[in-house]
């Protein structure tokens, strides 16, 4: 990776936005495990300490990248009209953006209260699942259970397929299997 030359002026412009865009790209390219604040700062062309004015730490930067990814996924899912379409769009997103999806599912739910924007973005995705899969379910506990079943099915299927464990010839076959399973829930 090439780095930008260091800036000669103090003002950067929208450092937070640019750092987030670069971090998103770096995670997409190589995964979130190796991402560092210094790596992002070098790519932006600022001292790594400058990023701490916008992101408390590496985890906050990763939360911001995950937030962006959940927002993108929610926008895609908002266009779906059927459970089959929801499953297809979700799976296509996860497989087309494997390292980003890996980051998304790595964010611990219990700590999301510390990141309201991430929590809101995740809830947008959940709201879309409720719209598609919970139309006739009244009880909140049953709605929650229905959404959990769908996400367990999707996450499990995507994980097993990605690891080469499922004997399916293509993404299309995976989508068909998961759609058939979701219809029986």
N, C-alpha and C. Protein backbone atom coordinates (compact mmCIF):
# COMPACT_ATOMS: atom_id res chain seq x y z
N UNK A 1 0.84 -1.17 0.00
CA UNK A 1 0.00 0.00 0.00
C UNK A 1 0.89 1.24 0.00
N UNK A 2 0.55 2.19 -0.81
CA UNK A 2 1.29 3.45 -0.82
C UNK A 2 0.65 4.41 0.16
N UNK A 3 1.49 5.23 0.76
CA UNK A 3 0.97 6.21 1.70
C UNK A 3 1.07 7.58 1.08
N UNK A 4 0.18 8.43 1.50
CA UNK A 4 0.21 9.81 1.02
C UNK A 4 1.35 10.54 1.71
N UNK A 5 1.89 11.54 1.04
CA UNK A 5 2.91 12.34 1.73
C UNK A 5 2.27 13.12 2.87
N UNK A 6 3.04 13.35 3.91
CA UNK A 6 2.53 14.11 5.05
C UNK A 6 2.14 15.51 4.59
N UNK A 7 1.06 16.00 5.17
CA UNK A 7 0.59 17.35 4.83
C UNK A 7 1.52 18.38 5.44
N UNK A 8 1.62 19.50 4.80
CA UNK A 8 2.44 20.58 5.34
C UNK A 8 1.60 21.60 6.09
N UNK A 9 0.28 21.43 6.04
CA UNK A 9 -0.60 22.35 6.76
C UNK A 9 -1.30 21.60 7.89
N UNK A 10 -1.76 22.35 8.87
CA UNK A 10 -2.43 21.75 10.02
C UNK A 10 -3.84 21.29 9.66
N UNK A 11 -4.57 22.07 8.93
CA UNK A 11 -5.96 21.76 8.61
C UNK A 11 -6.03 20.67 7.56
N UNK A 12 -6.91 19.74 7.80
CA UNK A 12 -7.03 18.61 6.90
C UNK A 12 -8.30 18.66 6.06
N UNK A 13 -9.33 19.22 6.58
CA UNK A 13 -10.63 19.15 5.92
C UNK A 13 -11.51 18.26 6.77
N UNK A 14 -12.12 17.26 6.19
CA UNK A 14 -12.97 16.36 6.95
C UNK A 14 -12.19 15.08 7.25
N UNK A 15 -11.33 15.15 8.23
CA UNK A 15 -10.47 14.03 8.59
C UNK A 15 -11.29 12.81 8.99
N UNK A 16 -12.32 13.01 9.77
CA UNK A 16 -13.12 11.87 10.23
C UNK A 16 -13.71 11.10 9.06
N UNK A 17 -14.29 11.81 8.13
CA UNK A 17 -14.90 11.19 6.97
C UNK A 17 -13.87 10.47 6.11
N UNK A 18 -12.75 11.11 5.87
CA UNK A 18 -11.71 10.48 5.04
C UNK A 18 -11.10 9.28 5.75
N UNK A 19 -10.87 9.39 7.04
CA UNK A 19 -10.32 8.26 7.79
C UNK A 19 -11.28 7.08 7.77
N UNK A 20 -12.57 7.36 7.91
CA UNK A 20 -13.57 6.29 7.88
C UNK A 20 -13.59 5.61 6.51
N UNK A 21 -13.55 6.40 5.45
CA UNK A 21 -13.55 5.83 4.09
C UNK A 21 -12.31 4.95 3.87
N UNK A 22 -11.18 5.41 4.32
CA UNK A 22 -9.94 4.64 4.16
C UNK A 22 -9.99 3.39 5.02
N UNK A 23 -10.46 3.51 6.26
CA UNK A 23 -10.56 2.34 7.13
C UNK A 23 -11.51 1.31 6.53
N UNK A 24 -12.61 1.76 5.96
CA UNK A 24 -13.56 0.85 5.31
C UNK A 24 -12.86 0.09 4.19
N UNK A 25 -12.11 0.81 3.36
CA UNK A 25 -11.39 0.18 2.26
C UNK A 25 -10.33 -0.80 2.76
N UNK A 26 -9.60 -0.42 3.80
CA UNK A 26 -8.57 -1.30 4.35
C UNK A 26 -9.18 -2.57 4.93
N UNK A 27 -10.29 -2.43 5.62
CA UNK A 27 -10.97 -3.62 6.15
C UNK A 27 -11.48 -4.48 5.00
N UNK A 28 -12.04 -3.85 3.99
CA UNK A 28 -12.52 -4.60 2.83
C UNK A 28 -11.39 -5.36 2.15
N UNK A 29 -10.23 -4.77 2.11
CA UNK A 29 -9.09 -5.39 1.44
C UNK A 29 -8.43 -6.50 2.26
N UNK A 30 -8.29 -6.28 3.58
CA UNK A 30 -7.46 -7.20 4.36
C UNK A 30 -8.11 -7.68 5.67
N UNK A 31 -9.32 -7.28 5.96
CA UNK A 31 -9.96 -7.69 7.20
C UNK A 31 -9.70 -6.71 8.33
N UNK A 32 -10.47 -6.86 9.39
CA UNK A 32 -10.39 -5.91 10.49
C UNK A 32 -9.33 -6.27 11.52
N UNK A 33 -8.88 -7.49 11.53
CA UNK A 33 -7.95 -7.93 12.56
C UNK A 33 -6.65 -7.14 12.54
N UNK A 34 -6.17 -6.79 11.38
CA UNK A 34 -4.86 -6.13 11.26
C UNK A 34 -4.94 -4.61 11.19
N UNK A 35 -6.14 -4.06 11.15
CA UNK A 35 -6.27 -2.61 11.01
C UNK A 35 -5.71 -1.89 12.23
N UNK A 36 -4.94 -0.85 11.97
CA UNK A 36 -4.40 -0.04 13.07
C UNK A 36 -4.68 1.43 12.81
N UNK A 37 -4.70 2.19 13.86
CA UNK A 37 -4.88 3.64 13.74
C UNK A 37 -3.72 4.23 12.94
N UNK A 38 -2.54 3.76 13.18
CA UNK A 38 -1.37 4.27 12.48
C UNK A 38 -1.47 4.00 10.97
N UNK A 39 -1.94 2.84 10.61
CA UNK A 39 -2.12 2.48 9.20
C UNK A 39 -3.10 3.44 8.52
N UNK A 40 -4.20 3.73 9.19
CA UNK A 40 -5.20 4.65 8.63
C UNK A 40 -4.62 6.05 8.54
N UNK A 41 -3.96 6.49 9.60
CA UNK A 41 -3.36 7.84 9.60
C UNK A 41 -2.33 7.98 8.48
N UNK A 42 -1.50 6.98 8.29
CA UNK A 42 -0.51 7.02 7.21
C UNK A 42 -1.19 7.15 5.85
N UNK A 43 -2.27 6.40 5.67
CA UNK A 43 -2.98 6.46 4.39
C UNK A 43 -3.65 7.81 4.17
N UNK A 44 -4.10 8.45 5.25
CA UNK A 44 -4.72 9.77 5.14
C UNK A 44 -3.65 10.85 4.99
N UNK A 45 -2.49 10.62 5.61
CA UNK A 45 -1.41 11.60 5.55
C UNK A 45 -1.37 12.53 6.75
N UNK A 46 -1.78 11.98 7.91
CA UNK A 46 -1.75 12.77 9.14
C UNK A 46 -1.04 11.95 10.22
N UNK A 47 -0.68 12.62 11.30
CA UNK A 47 -0.12 11.92 12.44
C UNK A 47 -1.21 11.06 13.07
N UNK A 48 -0.85 9.87 13.50
CA UNK A 48 -1.87 8.96 14.03
C UNK A 48 -2.60 9.55 15.24
N UNK A 49 -1.96 10.41 15.98
CA UNK A 49 -2.61 11.05 17.13
C UNK A 49 -3.81 11.89 16.70
N UNK A 50 -3.78 12.39 15.49
CA UNK A 50 -4.89 13.21 14.99
C UNK A 50 -6.20 12.43 14.93
N UNK A 51 -6.11 11.14 14.67
CA UNK A 51 -7.32 10.33 14.58
C UNK A 51 -8.04 10.23 15.92
N UNK A 52 -7.30 10.35 17.00
CA UNK A 52 -7.90 10.23 18.32
C UNK A 52 -8.81 11.41 18.66
N UNK A 53 -8.75 12.47 17.86
CA UNK A 53 -9.70 13.57 18.02
C UNK A 53 -11.09 13.18 17.52
N UNK A 54 -11.14 12.12 16.71
CA UNK A 54 -12.39 11.70 16.08
C UNK A 54 -12.84 10.31 16.48
N UNK A 55 -11.90 9.46 16.86
CA UNK A 55 -12.20 8.09 17.26
C UNK A 55 -11.45 7.82 18.56
N UNK A 56 -12.17 7.40 19.57
CA UNK A 56 -11.56 7.20 20.89
C UNK A 56 -10.39 6.22 20.84
N UNK A 57 -10.57 5.18 20.03
CA UNK A 57 -9.53 4.16 19.91
C UNK A 57 -9.82 3.32 18.66
N UNK A 58 -9.04 2.28 18.48
CA UNK A 58 -9.20 1.40 17.31
C UNK A 58 -10.60 0.79 17.28
N UNK A 59 -11.10 0.37 18.43
CA UNK A 59 -12.43 -0.24 18.48
C UNK A 59 -13.51 0.75 18.05
N UNK A 60 -13.36 2.01 18.42
CA UNK A 60 -14.33 3.02 17.99
C UNK A 60 -14.28 3.22 16.48
N UNK A 61 -13.09 3.16 15.91
CA UNK A 61 -12.95 3.26 14.45
C UNK A 61 -13.59 2.04 13.79
N UNK A 62 -13.36 0.86 14.34
CA UNK A 62 -13.99 -0.34 13.79
C UNK A 62 -15.51 -0.28 13.93
N UNK A 63 -15.99 0.25 15.04
CA UNK A 63 -17.44 0.43 15.20
C UNK A 63 -17.99 1.37 14.12
N UNK A 64 -17.25 2.41 13.81
CA UNK A 64 -17.69 3.36 12.78
C UNK A 64 -17.73 2.68 11.40
N UNK A 65 -16.75 1.84 11.11
CA UNK A 65 -16.76 1.10 9.84
C UNK A 65 -17.95 0.14 9.82
N UNK A 66 -18.17 -0.57 10.91
CA UNK A 66 -19.31 -1.49 10.99
C UNK A 66 -20.63 -0.74 10.85
N UNK A 67 -20.72 0.44 11.44
CA UNK A 67 -21.93 1.27 11.33
C UNK A 67 -22.21 1.58 9.87
N UNK A 68 -21.18 2.01 9.16
CA UNK A 68 -21.32 2.31 7.73
C UNK A 68 -21.80 1.07 6.96
N UNK A 69 -21.24 -0.08 7.28
CA UNK A 69 -21.62 -1.31 6.59
C UNK A 69 -23.07 -1.70 6.90
N UNK A 70 -23.47 -1.60 8.15
CA UNK A 70 -24.87 -1.90 8.50
C UNK A 70 -25.83 -0.93 7.82
N UNK A 71 -25.44 0.34 7.71
CA UNK A 71 -26.27 1.32 7.01
C UNK A 71 -26.44 0.92 5.54
N UNK A 72 -25.36 0.50 4.92
CA UNK A 72 -25.43 0.08 3.52
C UNK A 72 -26.31 -1.15 3.36
N UNK A 73 -26.13 -2.12 4.25
CA UNK A 73 -26.95 -3.33 4.18
C UNK A 73 -28.42 -2.99 4.43
N UNK A 74 -28.71 -2.16 5.39
CA UNK A 74 -30.10 -1.77 5.68
C UNK A 74 -30.75 -1.12 4.46
N UNK A 75 -30.01 -0.29 3.76
CA UNK A 75 -30.55 0.37 2.57
C UNK A 75 -30.89 -0.66 1.49
N UNK A 76 -30.06 -1.65 1.34
CA UNK A 76 -30.33 -2.72 0.36
C UNK A 76 -31.56 -3.52 0.79
N UNK A 77 -31.62 -3.87 2.07
CA UNK A 77 -32.73 -4.69 2.56
C UNK A 77 -34.06 -3.93 2.56
N UNK A 78 -33.99 -2.62 2.66
CA UNK A 78 -35.21 -1.81 2.63
C UNK A 78 -35.93 -1.93 1.29
N UNK A 79 -35.21 -2.32 0.26
CA UNK A 79 -35.80 -2.47 -1.08
C UNK A 79 -36.44 -3.84 -1.28
N UNK A 80 -36.22 -4.77 -0.36
CA UNK A 80 -36.76 -6.12 -0.55
C UNK A 80 -38.25 -6.15 -0.24
N UNK A 81 -38.94 -7.07 -0.90
CA UNK A 81 -40.39 -7.19 -0.71
C UNK A 81 -40.81 -8.57 -0.22
N UNK A 82 -39.96 -9.56 -0.39
CA UNK A 82 -40.31 -10.93 0.00
C UNK A 82 -39.18 -11.53 0.84
N UNK A 83 -39.51 -12.62 1.52
CA UNK A 83 -38.48 -13.29 2.32
C UNK A 83 -37.37 -13.84 1.42
N UNK A 84 -37.72 -14.35 0.26
CA UNK A 84 -36.70 -14.86 -0.66
C UNK A 84 -35.75 -13.75 -1.10
N UNK A 85 -36.32 -12.60 -1.40
CA UNK A 85 -35.50 -11.46 -1.82
C UNK A 85 -34.61 -10.98 -0.67
N UNK A 86 -35.16 -10.95 0.55
CA UNK A 86 -34.37 -10.55 1.71
C UNK A 86 -33.18 -11.47 1.89
N UNK A 87 -33.44 -12.77 1.88
CA UNK A 87 -32.37 -13.76 2.03
C UNK A 87 -31.33 -13.58 0.93
N UNK A 88 -31.77 -13.43 -0.30
CA UNK A 88 -30.84 -13.29 -1.42
C UNK A 88 -29.97 -12.04 -1.27
N UNK A 89 -30.58 -10.93 -0.94
CA UNK A 89 -29.81 -9.69 -0.81
C UNK A 89 -28.84 -9.74 0.37
N UNK A 90 -29.29 -10.31 1.47
CA UNK A 90 -28.42 -10.44 2.65
C UNK A 90 -27.21 -11.32 2.32
N UNK A 91 -27.46 -12.47 1.73
CA UNK A 91 -26.38 -13.40 1.39
C UNK A 91 -25.44 -12.78 0.37
N UNK A 92 -25.98 -12.15 -0.65
CA UNK A 92 -25.13 -11.51 -1.66
C UNK A 92 -24.23 -10.45 -1.04
N UNK A 93 -24.79 -9.64 -0.15
CA UNK A 93 -23.98 -8.62 0.52
C UNK A 93 -22.86 -9.28 1.32
N UNK A 94 -23.20 -10.27 2.13
CA UNK A 94 -22.22 -10.93 2.98
C UNK A 94 -21.11 -11.58 2.17
N UNK A 95 -21.46 -12.23 1.08
CA UNK A 95 -20.44 -12.92 0.27
C UNK A 95 -19.64 -11.96 -0.59
N UNK A 96 -20.25 -10.89 -1.03
CA UNK A 96 -19.52 -9.91 -1.85
C UNK A 96 -18.58 -9.06 -1.00
N UNK A 97 -18.86 -8.97 0.29
CA UNK A 97 -18.08 -8.12 1.20
C UNK A 97 -17.68 -8.96 2.43
N UNK A 98 -16.99 -10.05 2.19
CA UNK A 98 -16.71 -11.02 3.26
C UNK A 98 -15.97 -10.42 4.44
N UNK A 99 -14.96 -9.62 4.17
CA UNK A 99 -14.19 -9.07 5.29
C UNK A 99 -14.99 -8.01 6.04
N UNK A 100 -15.77 -7.24 5.32
CA UNK A 100 -16.64 -6.25 5.97
C UNK A 100 -17.70 -6.98 6.80
N UNK A 101 -18.30 -8.02 6.24
CA UNK A 101 -19.29 -8.80 6.97
C UNK A 101 -18.65 -9.43 8.21
N UNK A 102 -17.43 -9.89 8.08
CA UNK A 102 -16.72 -10.43 9.24
C UNK A 102 -16.60 -9.40 10.36
N UNK A 103 -16.31 -8.16 9.99
CA UNK A 103 -16.26 -7.09 10.99
C UNK A 103 -17.64 -6.86 11.59
N UNK A 104 -18.66 -6.80 10.75
CA UNK A 104 -20.01 -6.53 11.22
C UNK A 104 -20.44 -7.53 12.30
N UNK A 105 -20.22 -8.80 12.03
CA UNK A 105 -20.67 -9.82 12.97
C UNK A 105 -19.72 -9.99 14.14
N UNK A 106 -18.59 -9.31 14.11
CA UNK A 106 -17.64 -9.38 15.23
C UNK A 106 -17.97 -8.39 16.34
N UNK A 107 -18.82 -7.42 16.07
CA UNK A 107 -19.14 -6.40 17.06
C UNK A 107 -20.02 -7.00 18.14
N UNK A 108 -19.57 -7.00 19.38
CA UNK A 108 -20.36 -7.61 20.46
C UNK A 108 -21.62 -6.81 20.76
N UNK A 109 -22.75 -7.49 20.75
CA UNK A 109 -24.03 -6.82 20.99
C UNK A 109 -24.06 -6.14 22.35
N UNK A 110 -23.46 -6.76 23.34
CA UNK A 110 -23.49 -6.22 24.68
C UNK A 110 -22.80 -4.87 24.83
N UNK A 111 -21.88 -4.55 23.95
CA UNK A 111 -21.17 -3.28 24.04
C UNK A 111 -21.72 -2.22 23.08
N UNK A 112 -22.74 -2.57 22.32
CA UNK A 112 -23.29 -1.61 21.36
C UNK A 112 -23.91 -0.39 22.03
N UNK A 113 -24.30 -0.52 23.28
CA UNK A 113 -24.87 0.63 23.99
C UNK A 113 -23.84 1.75 24.11
N UNK A 114 -22.56 1.39 23.97
CA UNK A 114 -21.49 2.39 24.01
C UNK A 114 -21.30 3.07 22.65
N UNK A 115 -21.97 2.55 21.64
CA UNK A 115 -21.89 3.12 20.30
C UNK A 115 -23.32 3.26 19.75
N UNK A 116 -24.00 4.34 20.13
CA UNK A 116 -25.40 4.50 19.71
C UNK A 116 -25.59 4.48 18.19
N UNK A 117 -24.64 5.00 17.43
CA UNK A 117 -24.82 4.99 15.97
C UNK A 117 -24.73 3.57 15.43
N UNK A 118 -23.85 2.75 15.97
CA UNK A 118 -23.77 1.34 15.55
C UNK A 118 -25.05 0.62 15.95
N UNK A 119 -25.49 0.84 17.15
CA UNK A 119 -26.71 0.21 17.62
C UNK A 119 -27.90 0.59 16.73
N UNK A 120 -28.00 1.85 16.35
CA UNK A 120 -29.08 2.30 15.48
C UNK A 120 -29.00 1.66 14.11
N UNK A 121 -27.79 1.53 13.57
CA UNK A 121 -27.62 0.92 12.26
C UNK A 121 -28.00 -0.56 12.29
N UNK A 122 -27.59 -1.26 13.32
CA UNK A 122 -27.96 -2.67 13.47
C UNK A 122 -29.48 -2.80 13.57
N UNK A 123 -30.09 -1.91 14.31
CA UNK A 123 -31.55 -1.97 14.47
C UNK A 123 -32.28 -1.68 13.15
N UNK A 124 -31.66 -0.93 12.26
CA UNK A 124 -32.27 -0.73 10.94
C UNK A 124 -32.34 -2.05 10.19
N UNK A 125 -31.28 -2.84 10.27
CA UNK A 125 -31.27 -4.15 9.61
C UNK A 125 -32.31 -5.06 10.26
N UNK A 126 -32.36 -5.04 11.58
CA UNK A 126 -33.34 -5.86 12.31
C UNK A 126 -34.77 -5.44 11.97
N UNK A 127 -35.00 -4.14 11.86
CA UNK A 127 -36.32 -3.64 11.50
C UNK A 127 -36.76 -4.16 10.14
N UNK A 128 -35.82 -4.23 9.20
CA UNK A 128 -36.16 -4.77 7.88
C UNK A 128 -36.50 -6.25 7.97
N UNK A 129 -35.79 -6.98 8.82
CA UNK A 129 -36.12 -8.40 9.01
C UNK A 129 -37.51 -8.55 9.62
N UNK A 130 -37.82 -7.69 10.57
CA UNK A 130 -39.15 -7.75 11.19
C UNK A 130 -40.24 -7.44 10.18
N UNK A 131 -39.96 -6.48 9.31
CA UNK A 131 -40.94 -6.12 8.27
C UNK A 131 -41.24 -7.32 7.38
N UNK A 132 -40.22 -8.06 7.02
CA UNK A 132 -40.39 -9.19 6.10
C UNK A 132 -40.87 -10.46 6.79
N UNK A 133 -40.29 -10.78 7.94
CA UNK A 133 -40.53 -12.09 8.55
C UNK A 133 -41.52 -12.10 9.72
N UNK A 134 -41.97 -10.94 10.17
CA UNK A 134 -42.82 -10.90 11.37
C UNK A 134 -44.17 -10.24 11.14
N UNK A 135 -44.61 -10.18 9.91
CA UNK A 135 -45.84 -9.46 9.59
C UNK A 135 -47.04 -9.87 10.40
N UNK A 136 -47.22 -11.16 10.65
CA UNK A 136 -48.42 -11.62 11.35
C UNK A 136 -48.13 -12.02 12.80
N UNK A 137 -46.97 -11.69 13.30
CA UNK A 137 -46.61 -12.04 14.67
C UNK A 137 -46.84 -10.83 15.56
N UNK A 138 -47.65 -11.00 16.59
CA UNK A 138 -48.01 -9.88 17.48
C UNK A 138 -47.08 -9.76 18.69
N UNK A 139 -46.81 -10.85 19.35
CA UNK A 139 -46.07 -10.83 20.61
C UNK A 139 -44.61 -10.42 20.39
N UNK A 140 -44.14 -9.43 21.12
CA UNK A 140 -42.74 -8.99 20.97
C UNK A 140 -41.73 -10.12 21.15
N UNK A 141 -41.98 -11.01 22.10
CA UNK A 141 -41.04 -12.11 22.31
C UNK A 141 -41.01 -13.05 21.10
N UNK A 142 -42.15 -13.26 20.48
CA UNK A 142 -42.20 -14.12 19.29
C UNK A 142 -41.56 -13.42 18.09
N UNK A 143 -41.72 -12.11 17.98
CA UNK A 143 -41.08 -11.35 16.90
C UNK A 143 -39.56 -11.45 17.05
N UNK A 144 -39.10 -11.27 18.28
CA UNK A 144 -37.66 -11.36 18.57
C UNK A 144 -37.14 -12.75 18.20
N UNK A 145 -37.88 -13.76 18.59
CA UNK A 145 -37.48 -15.14 18.30
C UNK A 145 -37.45 -15.40 16.79
N UNK A 146 -38.41 -14.88 16.06
CA UNK A 146 -38.45 -15.09 14.61
C UNK A 146 -37.23 -14.44 13.94
N UNK A 147 -36.89 -13.23 14.38
CA UNK A 147 -35.72 -12.55 13.81
C UNK A 147 -34.44 -13.29 14.18
N UNK A 148 -34.36 -13.76 15.42
CA UNK A 148 -33.17 -14.52 15.82
C UNK A 148 -33.01 -15.77 14.97
N UNK A 149 -34.10 -16.47 14.70
CA UNK A 149 -34.03 -17.67 13.88
C UNK A 149 -33.48 -17.35 12.48
N UNK A 150 -33.97 -16.27 11.90
CA UNK A 150 -33.51 -15.89 10.57
C UNK A 150 -32.02 -15.57 10.59
N UNK A 151 -31.58 -14.79 11.58
CA UNK A 151 -30.16 -14.43 11.61
C UNK A 151 -29.26 -15.60 11.96
N UNK A 152 -29.73 -16.50 12.79
CA UNK A 152 -28.95 -17.71 13.06
C UNK A 152 -28.84 -18.52 11.79
N UNK A 153 -29.93 -18.66 11.06
CA UNK A 153 -29.91 -19.39 9.79
C UNK A 153 -28.96 -18.73 8.79
N UNK A 154 -29.10 -17.42 8.61
CA UNK A 154 -28.26 -16.72 7.63
C UNK A 154 -26.78 -16.76 8.03
N UNK A 155 -26.49 -16.42 9.27
CA UNK A 155 -25.09 -16.42 9.72
C UNK A 155 -24.48 -17.81 9.63
N UNK A 156 -25.22 -18.79 10.09
CA UNK A 156 -24.72 -20.17 10.02
C UNK A 156 -24.48 -20.63 8.59
N UNK A 157 -25.45 -20.38 7.73
CA UNK A 157 -25.31 -20.79 6.33
C UNK A 157 -24.15 -20.09 5.64
N UNK A 158 -24.04 -18.79 5.85
CA UNK A 158 -22.96 -18.02 5.23
C UNK A 158 -21.61 -18.48 5.77
N UNK A 159 -21.53 -18.71 7.07
CA UNK A 159 -20.27 -19.15 7.69
C UNK A 159 -19.85 -20.52 7.18
N UNK A 160 -20.78 -21.45 7.14
CA UNK A 160 -20.46 -22.80 6.67
C UNK A 160 -20.10 -22.81 5.19
N UNK A 161 -20.82 -22.03 4.41
CA UNK A 161 -20.52 -21.93 2.98
C UNK A 161 -19.14 -21.30 2.77
N UNK A 162 -18.86 -20.23 3.48
CA UNK A 162 -17.56 -19.56 3.35
C UNK A 162 -16.40 -20.43 3.75
N UNK A 163 -16.63 -21.32 4.72
CA UNK A 163 -15.57 -22.23 5.17
C UNK A 163 -15.44 -23.46 4.27
N UNK A 164 -16.32 -23.58 3.28
CA UNK A 164 -16.27 -24.72 2.36
C UNK A 164 -16.87 -25.99 2.94
N UNK A 165 -17.62 -25.86 4.01
CA UNK A 165 -18.20 -27.03 4.67
C UNK A 165 -19.48 -27.49 3.98
N UNK A 166 -20.29 -26.54 3.53
CA UNK A 166 -21.53 -26.89 2.83
C UNK A 166 -21.21 -27.36 1.42
N UNK A 167 -21.86 -28.43 1.04
CA UNK A 167 -21.64 -28.98 -0.30
C UNK A 167 -22.64 -28.36 -1.27
N UNK A 168 -22.42 -27.08 -1.54
CA UNK A 168 -23.28 -26.36 -2.48
C UNK A 168 -22.40 -25.80 -3.58
N UNK A 169 -22.85 -25.90 -4.82
CA UNK A 169 -21.99 -25.52 -5.95
C UNK A 169 -21.84 -24.02 -6.18
N UNK A 170 -22.74 -23.21 -5.60
CA UNK A 170 -22.70 -21.79 -5.92
C UNK A 170 -23.44 -20.96 -4.89
N UNK A 171 -23.24 -19.67 -5.01
CA UNK A 171 -23.97 -18.71 -4.18
C UNK A 171 -25.48 -18.84 -4.43
N UNK A 172 -25.84 -19.07 -5.67
CA UNK A 172 -27.25 -19.23 -6.03
C UNK A 172 -27.86 -20.43 -5.31
N UNK A 173 -27.11 -21.51 -5.23
CA UNK A 173 -27.59 -22.71 -4.54
C UNK A 173 -27.72 -22.45 -3.04
N UNK A 174 -26.77 -21.71 -2.48
CA UNK A 174 -26.85 -21.35 -1.06
C UNK A 174 -28.10 -20.52 -0.81
N UNK A 175 -28.34 -19.54 -1.65
CA UNK A 175 -29.52 -18.68 -1.49
C UNK A 175 -30.80 -19.52 -1.57
N UNK A 176 -30.84 -20.44 -2.52
CA UNK A 176 -32.03 -21.29 -2.67
C UNK A 176 -32.26 -22.14 -1.41
N UNK A 177 -31.20 -22.72 -0.88
CA UNK A 177 -31.32 -23.54 0.34
C UNK A 177 -31.78 -22.71 1.53
N UNK A 178 -31.15 -21.56 1.73
CA UNK A 178 -31.51 -20.71 2.87
C UNK A 178 -32.93 -20.17 2.72
N UNK A 179 -33.32 -19.84 1.50
CA UNK A 179 -34.69 -19.37 1.26
C UNK A 179 -35.71 -20.46 1.59
N UNK A 180 -35.40 -21.68 1.17
CA UNK A 180 -36.30 -22.80 1.46
C UNK A 180 -36.40 -23.04 2.95
N UNK A 181 -35.29 -22.95 3.65
CA UNK A 181 -35.30 -23.14 5.12
C UNK A 181 -36.06 -22.02 5.82
N UNK A 182 -35.87 -20.80 5.35
CA UNK A 182 -36.52 -19.66 6.01
C UNK A 182 -38.04 -19.73 5.81
N UNK A 183 -38.49 -20.31 4.72
CA UNK A 183 -39.92 -20.42 4.46
C UNK A 183 -40.60 -21.38 5.44
N UNK A 184 -39.82 -22.26 6.05
CA UNK A 184 -40.38 -23.25 6.98
C UNK A 184 -40.36 -22.75 8.42
N UNK A 185 -39.92 -21.54 8.62
CA UNK A 185 -39.83 -21.01 9.99
C UNK A 185 -41.13 -20.37 10.41
